[in-house]
C-alpha atoms as a PDB file:
ATOM      1  CA  MET A   1      26.080 -49.579  59.838  1.00  0.00           C
ATOM      2  CA  HIS A   2      28.643 -50.022  62.309  1.00  0.00           C
ATOM      3  CA  ARG A   3      30.476 -46.676  63.641  1.00  0.00           C
ATOM      4  CA  LEU A   4      34.107 -46.939  64.801  1.00  0.00           C
ATOM      5  CA  PRO A   5      34.697 -43.689  66.703  1.00  0.00           C
ATOM      6  CA  LEU A   6      37.940 -41.709  67.324  1.00  0.00           C
ATOM      7  CA  GLY A   7      40.224 -43.533  70.101  1.00  0.00           C
ATOM      8  CA  PRO A   8      43.383 -44.652  71.111  1.00  0.00           C
ATOM      9  CA  LEU A   9      45.727 -43.361  68.101  1.00  0.00           C
ATOM     10  CA  TYR A  10      47.920 -46.286  66.932  1.00  0.00           C
ATOM     11  CA  TYR A  11      50.919 -45.739  65.098  1.00  0.00           C
ATOM     12  CA  GLU A  12      51.768 -49.669  64.723  1.00  0.00           C
ATOM     13  CA  TYR A  13      49.764 -52.491  62.622  1.00  0.00           C
ATOM     14  CA  SER A  14      49.732 -54.564  65.664  1.00  0.00           C
ATOM     15  CA  ARG A  15      48.123 -57.946  66.501  1.00  0.00           C
ATOM     16  CA  HIS A  16      48.478 -57.153  70.268  1.00  0.00           C
ATOM     17  CA  ASN A  17      46.358 -54.289  70.455  1.00  0.00           C
ATOM     18  CA  GLU A  18      43.041 -54.482  72.128  1.00  0.00           C
ATOM     19  CA  VAL A  19      40.020 -54.978  69.461  1.00  0.00           C
ATOM     20  CA  ARG A  20      37.866 -51.684  68.978  1.00  0.00           C
ATOM     21  CA  LEU A  21      35.317 -53.559  66.634  1.00  0.00           C
ATOM     22  CA  ARG A  22      33.974 -56.787  65.968  1.00  0.00           C
ATOM     23  CA  ILE A  23      32.328 -57.294  62.424  1.00  0.00           C
ATOM     24  CA  GLU A  24      30.987 -60.259  60.609  1.00  0.00           C
ATOM     25  CA  PRO A  25      31.806 -60.050  56.544  1.00  0.00           C
ATOM     26  CA  GLY A  26      29.912 -57.935  54.325  1.00  0.00           C
ATOM     27  CA  GLU A  27      29.302 -55.333  57.118  1.00  0.00           C
ATOM     28  CA  LYS A  28      29.473 -51.657  56.408  1.00  0.00           C
ATOM     29  CA  VAL A  29      31.884 -49.486  58.831  1.00  0.00           C
ATOM     30  CA  LEU A  30      32.001 -45.788  59.667  1.00  0.00           C
ATOM     31  CA  VAL A  31      35.629 -45.200  60.742  1.00  0.00           C
ATOM     32  CA  GLU A  32      36.715 -41.647  62.219  1.00  0.00           C
ATOM     33  CA  ALA A  33      40.525 -41.189  62.244  1.00  0.00           C
ATOM     34  CA  GLU A  34      42.702 -38.055  63.082  1.00  0.00           C
ATOM     35  CA  ASP A  35      44.955 -36.783  60.416  1.00  0.00           C
ATOM     36  CA  ALA A  36      49.072 -37.547  59.740  1.00  0.00           C
ATOM     37  CA  PHE A  37      49.751 -34.850  62.203  1.00  0.00           C
ATOM     38  CA  SER A  38      48.026 -36.472  65.029  1.00  0.00           C
ATOM     39  CA  GLY A  39      45.612 -32.960  65.330  1.00  0.00           C
ATOM     40  CA  GLN A  40      48.458 -30.811  66.017  1.00  0.00           C
ATOM     41  CA  VAL A  41      47.904 -28.510  62.767  1.00  0.00           C
ATOM     42  CA  ARG A  42      45.100 -26.865  62.507  1.00  0.00           C
ATOM     43  CA  THR A  43      45.900 -23.273  61.940  1.00  0.00           C
ATOM     44  CA  ASN A  44      48.906 -21.552  59.726  1.00  0.00           C
ATOM     45  CA  GLN A  45      50.769 -20.950  63.077  1.00  0.00           C
ATOM     46  CA  ASP A  46      50.488 -24.171  64.316  1.00  0.00           C
ATOM     47  CA  ARG A  47      53.794 -26.492  64.297  1.00  0.00           C
ATOM     48  CA  ARG A  48      54.465 -29.979  64.033  1.00  0.00           C
ATOM     49  CA  ASP A  49      55.619 -30.927  67.868  1.00  0.00           C
ATOM     50  CA  ARG A  50      57.471 -34.208  67.321  1.00  0.00           C
ATOM     51  CA  LYS A  51      58.423 -33.944  71.480  1.00  0.00           C
ATOM     52  CA  ALA A  52      54.591 -34.430  72.263  1.00  0.00           C
ATOM     53  CA  MET A  53      53.979 -36.416  69.515  1.00  0.00           C
ATOM     54  CA  PRO A  54      57.066 -38.268  67.886  1.00  0.00           C
ATOM     55  CA  TYR A  55      55.223 -40.300  65.366  1.00  0.00           C
ATOM     56  CA  GLY A  56      53.041 -39.641  62.105  1.00  0.00           C
ATOM     57  CA  ASN A  57      50.115 -41.393  60.538  1.00  0.00           C
ATOM     58  CA  PRO A  58      47.853 -42.442  63.672  1.00  0.00           C
ATOM     59  CA  GLN A  59      45.111 -45.286  62.793  1.00  0.00           C
ATOM     60  CA  THR A  60      42.035 -46.237  63.920  1.00  0.00           C
ATOM     61  CA  GLY A  61      41.530 -49.913  64.694  1.00  0.00           C
ATOM     62  CA  PRO A  62      41.897 -52.651  65.157  1.00  0.00           C
ATOM     63  CA  ILE A  63      38.689 -54.066  63.470  1.00  0.00           C
ATOM     64  CA  TYR A  64      38.221 -57.826  64.300  1.00  0.00           C
ATOM     65  CA  VAL A  65      36.915 -59.394  61.114  1.00  0.00           C
ATOM     66  CA  ASN A  66      34.682 -62.428  62.427  1.00  0.00           C
ATOM     67  CA  GLY A  67      35.916 -65.707  60.611  1.00  0.00           C
ATOM     68  CA  ALA A  68      39.097 -64.509  58.975  1.00  0.00           C
ATOM     69  CA  GLN A  69      42.047 -66.583  59.298  1.00  0.00           C
ATOM     70  CA  PRO A  70      45.542 -66.702  58.077  1.00  0.00           C
ATOM     71  CA  GLY A  71      45.719 -67.410  54.315  1.00  0.00           C
ATOM     72  CA  ASP A  72      42.736 -65.384  53.606  1.00  0.00           C
ATOM     73  CA  THR A  73      42.183 -61.966  52.111  1.00  0.00           C
ATOM     74  CA  LEU A  74      40.105 -58.851  53.125  1.00  0.00           C
ATOM     75  CA  GLY A  75      38.260 -57.136  50.459  1.00  0.00           C
ATOM     76  CA  VAL A  76      38.136 -53.541  51.524  1.00  0.00           C
ATOM     77  CA  GLN A  77      35.753 -51.318  49.649  1.00  0.00           C
ATOM     78  CA  ILE A  78      35.873 -47.804  50.227  1.00  0.00           C
ATOM     79  CA  HIS A  79      32.313 -46.074  49.520  1.00  0.00           C
ATOM     80  CA  GLU A  80      32.689 -42.354  50.809  1.00  0.00           C
ATOM     81  CA  ILE A  81      35.947 -40.501  52.520  1.00  0.00           C
ATOM     82  CA  ARG A  82      34.337 -37.347  54.176  1.00  0.00           C
ATOM     83  CA  PRO A  83      36.542 -34.235  55.923  1.00  0.00           C
ATOM     84  CA  SER A  84      35.807 -34.274  59.620  1.00  0.00           C
ATOM     85  CA  ILE A  85      36.418 -30.491  60.091  1.00  0.00           C
ATOM     86  CA  GLY A  86      36.293 -29.142  56.758  1.00  0.00           C
ATOM     87  CA  GLN A  87      39.416 -28.093  56.236  1.00  0.00           C
ATOM     88  CA  CYS A  88      42.966 -30.033  55.101  1.00  0.00           C
ATOM     89  CA  ALA A  89      46.263 -29.195  56.228  1.00  0.00           C
ATOM     90  CA  THR A  90      50.182 -29.570  54.535  1.00  0.00           C
ATOM     91  CA  ARG A  91      53.623 -28.708  55.581  1.00  0.00           C
ATOM     92  CA  THR A  92      56.678 -27.995  53.821  1.00  0.00           C
ATOM     93  CA  SER A  93      59.430 -27.413  56.623  1.00  0.00           C
ATOM     94  CA  ASP A  94      62.031 -30.193  54.899  1.00  0.00           C
ATOM     95  CA  PRO A  95      62.824 -30.602  51.184  1.00  0.00           C
ATOM     96  CA  LYS A  96      64.867 -33.788  51.910  1.00  0.00           C
ATOM     97  CA  GLN A  97      66.539 -35.333  49.196  1.00  0.00           C
ATOM     98  CA  LEU A  98      65.441 -31.990  47.357  1.00  0.00           C
ATOM     99  CA  ALA A  99      68.044 -30.167  49.175  1.00  0.00           C
ATOM    100  CA  GLU A 100      70.868 -31.148  47.022  1.00  0.00           C
ATOM    101  CA  TRP A 101      69.256 -29.263  44.020  1.00  0.00           C
ATOM    102  CA  ILE A 102      67.037 -26.477  45.792  1.00  0.00           C
ATOM    103  CA  GLY A 103      68.610 -25.914  49.228  1.00  0.00           C
ATOM    104  CA  THR A 104      67.864 -26.128  52.703  1.00  0.00           C
ATOM    105  CA  ASP A 105      66.272 -23.107  53.583  1.00  0.00           C
ATOM    106  CA  CYS A 106      62.941 -24.170  53.423  1.00  0.00           C
ATOM    107  CA  PRO A 107      60.002 -21.948  55.264  1.00  0.00           C
ATOM    108  CA  HIS A 108      58.068 -23.856  57.654  1.00  0.00           C
ATOM    109  CA  GLY A 109      55.090 -23.807  55.264  1.00  0.00           C
ATOM    110  CA  THR A 110      52.045 -24.666  57.479  1.00  0.00           C
ATOM    111  CA  HIS A 111      49.049 -24.442  55.322  1.00  0.00           C
ATOM    112  CA  VAL A 112      45.493 -25.029  55.898  1.00  0.00           C
ATOM    113  CA  CYS A 113      43.415 -25.106  52.936  1.00  0.00           C
ATOM    114  CA  PRO A 114      39.302 -25.041  53.494  1.00  0.00           C
ATOM    115  CA  ILE A 115      37.135 -27.431  51.707  1.00  0.00           C
ATOM    116  CA  ARG A 116      33.911 -26.876  50.409  1.00  0.00           C
ATOM    117  CA  ASP A 117      31.526 -27.603  47.270  1.00  0.00           C
ATOM    118  CA  GLY A 118      33.962 -30.362  45.983  1.00  0.00           C
ATOM    119  CA  LYS A 119      37.076 -28.171  46.204  1.00  0.00           C
ATOM    120  CA  ILE A 120      40.310 -27.503  47.937  1.00  0.00           C
ATOM    121  CA  TYR A 121      41.023 -23.726  48.475  1.00  0.00           C
ATOM    122  CA  TRP A 122      44.803 -23.505  48.256  1.00  0.00           C
ATOM    123  CA  SER A 123      44.881 -19.875  47.412  1.00  0.00           C
ATOM    124  CA  ASP A 124      42.549 -17.215  46.677  1.00  0.00           C
ATOM    125  CA  GLU A 125      43.467 -18.009  43.095  1.00  0.00           C
ATOM    126  CA  ILE A 126      43.848 -21.580  43.039  1.00  0.00           C
ATOM    127  CA  THR A 127      41.470 -24.722  43.758  1.00  0.00           C
ATOM    128  CA  ILE A 128      42.191 -27.997  43.874  1.00  0.00           C
ATOM    129  CA  PRO A 129      39.693 -30.628  42.923  1.00  0.00           C
ATOM    130  CA  TYR A 130      38.592 -32.759  46.218  1.00  0.00           C
ATOM    131  CA  ARG A 131      39.906 -36.498  45.606  1.00  0.00           C
ATOM    132  CA  PRO A 132      40.206 -37.974  49.009  1.00  0.00           C
ATOM    133  CA  MET A 133      42.236 -41.188  49.504  1.00  0.00           C
ATOM    134  CA  LEU A 134      43.456 -43.152  52.462  1.00  0.00           C
ATOM    135  CA  GLY A 135      47.170 -42.861  52.853  1.00  0.00           C
ATOM    136  CA  CYS A 136      47.164 -45.998  55.149  1.00  0.00           C
ATOM    137  CA  ILE A 137      45.224 -48.980  55.492  1.00  0.00           C
ATOM    138  CA  GLY A 138      46.426 -52.296  56.794  1.00  0.00           C
ATOM    139  CA  THR A 139      46.141 -55.550  58.497  1.00  0.00           C
ATOM    140  CA  ALA A 140      48.561 -56.679  61.290  1.00  0.00           C
ATOM    141  CA  PRO A 141      51.429 -59.271  60.288  1.00  0.00           C
ATOM    142  CA  ASP A 142      51.873 -62.440  62.226  1.00  0.00           C
ATOM    143  CA  THR A 143      55.872 -61.844  63.093  1.00  0.00           C
ATOM    144  CA  GLY A 144      56.685 -58.591  63.667  1.00  0.00           C
ATOM    145  CA  VAL A 145      55.054 -54.942  64.538  1.00  0.00           C
ATOM    146  CA  PRO A 146      55.507 -52.747  61.736  1.00  0.00           C
ATOM    147  CA  THR A 147      54.847 -48.869  62.274  1.00  0.00           C
ATOM    148  CA  THR A 148      52.924 -46.725  60.242  1.00  0.00           C
ATOM    149  CA  GLY A 149      55.918 -44.703  58.309  1.00  0.00           C
ATOM    150  CA  PRO A 150      56.821 -47.838  55.586  1.00  0.00           C
ATOM    151  CA  ALA A 151      54.285 -49.680  53.139  1.00  0.00           C
ATOM    152  CA  GLY A 152      54.711 -53.283  52.828  1.00  0.00           C
ATOM    153  CA  PRO A 153      52.996 -56.768  51.895  1.00  0.00           C
ATOM    154  CA  HIS A 154      50.460 -56.128  54.952  1.00  0.00           C
ATOM    155  CA  GLY A 155      49.612 -52.689  53.196  1.00  0.00           C
ATOM    156  CA  GLY A 156      50.409 -49.861  55.556  1.00  0.00           C
ATOM    157  CA  ASN A 157      51.616 -46.201  54.376  1.00  0.00           C
ATOM    158  CA  MET A 158      51.139 -46.639  50.648  1.00  0.00           C
ATOM    159  CA  ASP A 159      49.986 -43.264  49.951  1.00  0.00           C
ATOM    160  CA  ILE A 160      48.333 -44.228  46.337  1.00  0.00           C
ATOM    161  CA  ILE A 161      46.053 -41.748  45.180  1.00  0.00           C
ATOM    162  CA  GLU A 162      43.943 -45.042  43.704  1.00  0.00           C
ATOM    163  CA  THR A 163      42.934 -45.603  47.533  1.00  0.00           C
ATOM    164  CA  GLY A 164      39.676 -43.821  47.621  1.00  0.00           C
ATOM    165  CA  PRO A 165      35.963 -43.712  46.996  1.00  0.00           C
ATOM    166  CA  GLY A 166      34.927 -46.659  44.420  1.00  0.00           C
ATOM    167  CA  SER A 167      37.953 -48.778  45.025  1.00  0.00           C
ATOM    168  CA  THR A 168      38.547 -51.980  46.805  1.00  0.00           C
ATOM    169  CA  VAL A 169      41.849 -52.561  48.310  1.00  0.00           C
ATOM    170  CA  TYR A 170      42.440 -56.297  48.879  1.00  0.00           C
ATOM    171  CA  LEU A 171      44.898 -57.195  51.881  1.00  0.00           C
ATOM    172  CA  PRO A 172      46.376 -60.174  53.155  1.00  0.00           C
ATOM    173  CA  VAL A 173      45.107 -62.098  56.470  1.00  0.00           C
ATOM    174  CA  TYR A 174      48.026 -63.209  58.937  1.00  0.00           C
ATOM    175  CA  VAL A 175      46.131 -63.322  62.099  1.00  0.00           C
ATOM    176  CA  PRO A 176      42.663 -64.868  63.142  1.00  0.00           C
ATOM    177  CA  GLY A 177      40.497 -61.537  62.753  1.00  0.00           C
ATOM    178  CA  ALA A 178      42.881 -59.640  60.560  1.00  0.00           C
ATOM    179  CA  TYR A 179      42.990 -56.423  62.583  1.00  0.00           C
ATOM    180  CA  LEU A 180      42.281 -53.874  59.940  1.00  0.00           C
ATOM    181  CA  TYR A 181      43.657 -50.424  60.769  1.00  0.00           C
ATOM    182  CA  LEU A 182      43.157 -47.139  58.580  1.00  0.00           C
ATOM    183  CA  GLY A 183      43.550 -43.528  58.430  1.00  0.00           C
ATOM    184  CA  ASP A 184      45.839 -40.780  57.348  1.00  0.00           C
ATOM    185  CA  ALA A 185      43.314 -39.556  54.954  1.00  0.00           C
ATOM    186  CA  HIS A 186      43.989 -36.793  52.449  1.00  0.00           C
ATOM    187  CA  ALA A 187      41.929 -34.644  50.467  1.00  0.00           C
ATOM    188  CA  ALA A 188      44.011 -34.914  47.337  1.00  0.00           C
ATOM    189  CA  MET A 189      47.815 -35.350  46.658  1.00  0.00           C
ATOM    190  CA  GLY A 190      49.839 -35.642  43.757  1.00  0.00           C
ATOM    191  CA  HIS A 191      51.781 -38.582  42.587  1.00  0.00           C
ATOM    192  CA  GLY A 192      55.113 -38.805  44.762  1.00  0.00           C
ATOM    193  CA  GLU A 193      53.957 -36.918  47.616  1.00  0.00           C
ATOM    194  CA  LEU A 194      56.726 -34.960  47.515  1.00  0.00           C
ATOM    195  CA  SER A 195      57.042 -32.865  50.636  1.00  0.00           C
ATOM    196  CA  ALA A 196      56.123 -35.859  52.688  1.00  0.00           C
ATOM    197  CA  SER A 197      52.572 -34.506  53.309  1.00  0.00           C
ATOM    198  CA  GLY A 198      49.562 -34.587  51.148  1.00  0.00           C
ATOM    199  CA  LEU A 199      46.475 -32.332  52.315  1.00  0.00           C
ATOM    200  CA  GLU A 200      46.208 -34.407  55.402  1.00  0.00           C
ATOM    201  CA  MET A 201      42.605 -34.300  56.932  1.00  0.00           C
ATOM    202  CA  PRO A 202      40.713 -35.875  59.816  1.00  0.00           C
ATOM    203  CA  SER A 203      38.404 -37.857  58.147  1.00  0.00           C
ATOM    204  CA  GLU A 204      35.364 -40.210  58.417  1.00  0.00           C
ATOM    205  CA  THR A 205      35.468 -43.318  56.163  1.00  0.00           C
ATOM    206  CA  ILE A 206      32.806 -45.479  55.084  1.00  0.00           C
ATOM    207  CA  ILE A 207      34.000 -49.090  54.186  1.00  0.00           C
ATOM    208  CA  THR A 208      32.415 -52.398  53.437  1.00  0.00           C
ATOM    209  CA  VAL A 209      34.971 -55.231  54.481  1.00  0.00           C
ATOM    210  CA  ASP A 210      34.278 -58.721  53.036  1.00  0.00           C
ATOM    211  CA  LEU A 211      36.304 -61.735  53.669  1.00  0.00           C
ATOM    212  CA  ILE A 212      37.640 -64.106  50.793  1.00  0.00           C
ATOM    213  CA  ARG A 213      37.947 -67.174  52.409  1.00  0.00           C
ATOM    214  CA  GLY A 214      41.123 -69.353  51.201  1.00  0.00           C
ATOM    215  CA  LYS A 215      42.616 -66.718  48.874  1.00  0.00           C
ATOM    216  CA  THR A 216      46.001 -65.660  49.525  1.00  0.00           C
ATOM    217  CA  ILE A 217      47.632 -63.025  48.041  1.00  0.00           C
ATOM    218  CA  PRO A 218      51.544 -61.597  47.994  1.00  0.00           C
ATOM    219  CA  GLY A 219      50.716 -58.339  49.050  1.00  0.00           C
ATOM    220  CA  PRO A 220      48.358 -55.375  48.111  1.00  0.00           C
ATOM    221  CA  ARG A 221      45.954 -55.095  45.486  1.00  0.00           C
ATOM    222  CA  ILE A 222      43.420 -52.335  44.613  1.00  0.00           C
ATOM    223  CA  GLU A 223      40.377 -52.912  42.198  1.00  0.00           C
ATOM    224  CA  SER A 224      38.639 -49.700  40.441  1.00  0.00           C
ATOM    225  CA  ALA A 225      35.774 -49.804  37.823  1.00  0.00           C
ATOM    226  CA  GLU A 226      38.439 -49.143  35.360  1.00  0.00           C
ATOM    227  CA  GLU A 227      41.612 -51.065  36.330  1.00  0.00           C
ATOM    228  CA  ILE A 228      42.993 -53.292  38.826  1.00  0.00           C
ATOM    229  CA  MET A 229      46.629 -52.955  40.145  1.00  0.00           C
ATOM    230  CA  THR A 230      49.176 -54.191  42.750  1.00  0.00           C
ATOM    231  CA  VAL A 231      51.266 -52.396  44.896  1.00  0.00           C
ATOM    232  CA  ALA A 232      55.015 -52.907  46.184  1.00  0.00           C
ATOM    233  CA  THR A 233      57.521 -51.049  47.942  1.00  0.00           C
ATOM    234  CA  GLY A 234      61.167 -50.766  48.310  1.00  0.00           C
ATOM    235  CA  CYS A 235      64.538 -49.030  47.278  1.00  0.00           C
ATOM    236  CA  PRO A 236      65.233 -48.388  44.614  1.00  0.00           C
ATOM    237  CA  MET A 237      62.108 -47.828  43.181  1.00  0.00           C
ATOM    238  CA  GLU A 238      63.144 -49.745  39.854  1.00  0.00           C
ATOM    239  CA  ARG A 239      62.756 -52.902  42.015  1.00  0.00           C
ATOM    240  CA  ALA A 240      59.363 -52.197  43.587  1.00  0.00           C
ATOM    241  CA  THR A 241      58.368 -51.099  40.001  1.00  0.00           C
ATOM    242  CA  ALA A 242      59.399 -54.571  38.955  1.00  0.00           C
ATOM    243  CA  GLN A 243      57.738 -56.560  41.936  1.00  0.00           C
ATOM    244  CA  ALA A 244      54.876 -54.484  41.298  1.00  0.00           C
ATOM    245  CA  TYR A 245      54.433 -55.573  37.476  1.00  0.00           C
ATOM    246  CA  ALA A 246      55.264 -59.438  38.680  1.00  0.00           C
ATOM    247  CA  TRP A 247      52.559 -59.431  40.799  1.00  0.00           C
ATOM    248  CA  LEU A 248      50.266 -57.934  38.327  1.00  0.00           C
ATOM    249  CA  ILE A 249      51.197 -60.320  35.723  1.00  0.00           C
ATOM    250  CA  LEU A 250      50.571 -63.399  38.188  1.00  0.00           C
ATOM    251  CA  TRP A 251      47.524 -62.065  39.330  1.00  0.00           C
ATOM    252  CA  MET A 252      46.304 -61.845  35.206  1.00  0.00           C
ATOM    253  CA  GLU A 253      47.453 -65.130  35.073  1.00  0.00           C
ATOM    254  CA  GLU A 254      45.628 -66.390  37.996  1.00  0.00           C
ATOM    255  CA  GLU A 255      42.305 -64.935  37.809  1.00  0.00           C
ATOM    256  CA  TYR A 256      41.926 -63.574  34.230  1.00  0.00           C
ATOM    257  CA  GLY A 257      43.478 -66.517  32.197  1.00  0.00           C
ATOM    258  CA  TRP A 258      46.195 -65.031  30.842  1.00  0.00           C
ATOM    259  CA  ASP A 259      49.468 -66.258  29.685  1.00  0.00           C
ATOM    260  CA  ARG A 260      52.009 -64.753  32.025  1.00  0.00           C
ATOM    261  CA  TRP A 261      54.404 -63.987  28.924  1.00  0.00           C
ATOM    262  CA  LYS A 262      51.545 -62.691  27.101  1.00  0.00           C
ATOM    263  CA  ALA A 263      50.869 -60.749  29.993  1.00  0.00           C
ATOM    264  CA  TYR A 264      54.246 -59.582  29.936  1.00  0.00           C
ATOM    265  CA  ASP A 265      54.322 -58.338  26.610  1.00  0.00           C
ATOM    266  CA  LEU A 266      50.671 -56.404  26.764  1.00  0.00           C
ATOM    267  CA  LEU A 267      51.976 -54.754  29.946  1.00  0.00           C
ATOM    268  CA  THR A 268      55.097 -53.407  28.202  1.00  0.00           C
ATOM    269  CA  HIS A 269      52.810 -51.321  25.875  1.00  0.00           C
ATOM    270  CA  VAL A 270      49.567 -50.583  27.830  1.00  0.00           C
ATOM    271  CA  GLY A 271      50.854 -50.675  31.572  1.00  0.00           C
ATOM    272  CA  ARG A 272      50.609 -47.636  33.843  1.00  0.00           C
ATOM    273  CA  ILE A 273      52.442 -46.775  37.239  1.00  0.00           C
ATOM    274  CA  SER A 274      51.017 -45.004  40.319  1.00  0.00           C
ATOM    275  CA  VAL A 275      53.630 -43.306  42.476  1.00  0.00           C
ATOM    276  CA  GLY A 276      53.017 -43.270  46.315  1.00  0.00           C
ATOM    277  CA  TYR A 277      55.842 -41.728  48.566  1.00  0.00           C
ATOM    278  CA  TYR A 278      58.618 -41.631  46.689  1.00  0.00           C
ATOM    279  CA  ALA A 279      61.296 -41.883  49.351  1.00  0.00           C
ATOM    280  CA  ILE A 280      60.340 -45.451  50.233  1.00  0.00           C
ATOM    281  CA  GLY A 281      59.773 -46.369  46.799  1.00  0.00           C
ATOM    282  CA  THR A 282      55.948 -47.514  46.834  1.00  0.00           C
ATOM    283  CA  VAL A 283      54.723 -48.301  43.076  1.00  0.00           C
ATOM    284  CA  ALA A 284      51.579 -49.397  42.023  1.00  0.00           C
ATOM    285  CA  ALA A 285      51.451 -51.345  38.557  1.00  0.00           C
ATOM    286  CA  LYS A 286      47.942 -51.120  36.795  1.00  0.00           C
ATOM    287  CA  ILE A 287      46.381 -52.258  33.599  1.00  0.00           C
ATOM    288  CA  ALA A 288      42.989 -51.083  32.159  1.00  0.00           C
ATOM    289  CA  LYS A 289      40.251 -53.429  32.474  1.00  0.00           C
ATOM    290  CA  ARG A 290      39.204 -53.305  29.065  1.00  0.00           C
ATOM    291  CA  TYR A 291      42.704 -55.149  28.029  1.00  0.00           C
ATOM    292  CA  LEU A 292      41.595 -57.929  30.027  1.00  0.00           C
ATOM    293  CA  VAL A 293      39.194 -59.834  28.009  1.00  0.00           C
END
């Protein structure tokens, strides 16, 4: 297994950065990554200093996948996401769109939580199950250089809770080698990531990177043991929901032999959605595999 240690913190999905690791398709990699706060929050007294570090969601990479060419697809199987320092942190200093109803006098709310025995100790009375996921994972586009703030067809800051152990994330390849990046691990997160911060943690993630040659997809897909899902981003969120469902219908038609209009009918009754960060309108549309027979 390869190991990619923590190195330069990248805040863009760029094809211009120096490759840090080259792998063959099918190889396993352990990737070290910093948390979304760039390591600035380790205690309840720490504050996010945007003057020193103005950007969020640093990524580790790029990983160059030998043989990957534009028009191919990466299949990134997530095996394990471990906390590097046994704790996670969140903050609630800016209510943003909620301020219309709940006001703006929100305390800073830096909140560090220990992680042990499969639980996050949010307080003395409340524990949250440890359900880690990657907030960000993506490939480098062939034009432009998206930051780690939004999500898009390349992946990016999707914040979809199903991007965790046991799932495979499918990503389009736009440039030779794909230039895969990942980071922004969360110990847990609710749908919508309401405060724009999950339970952020520095992490060690073990993945296997497969290559599907000649397979072109329009945007990120996620497959778990029970479900398949497609991810779209945009505001208003109802448009992203429609796009994600449309992509799911086309996936069902292409690979599972469904007539698209029958799939449209079925999803009306059994389709589900998972919501990433609500302010940028990221939605995963999904269906249980038991319906795909």
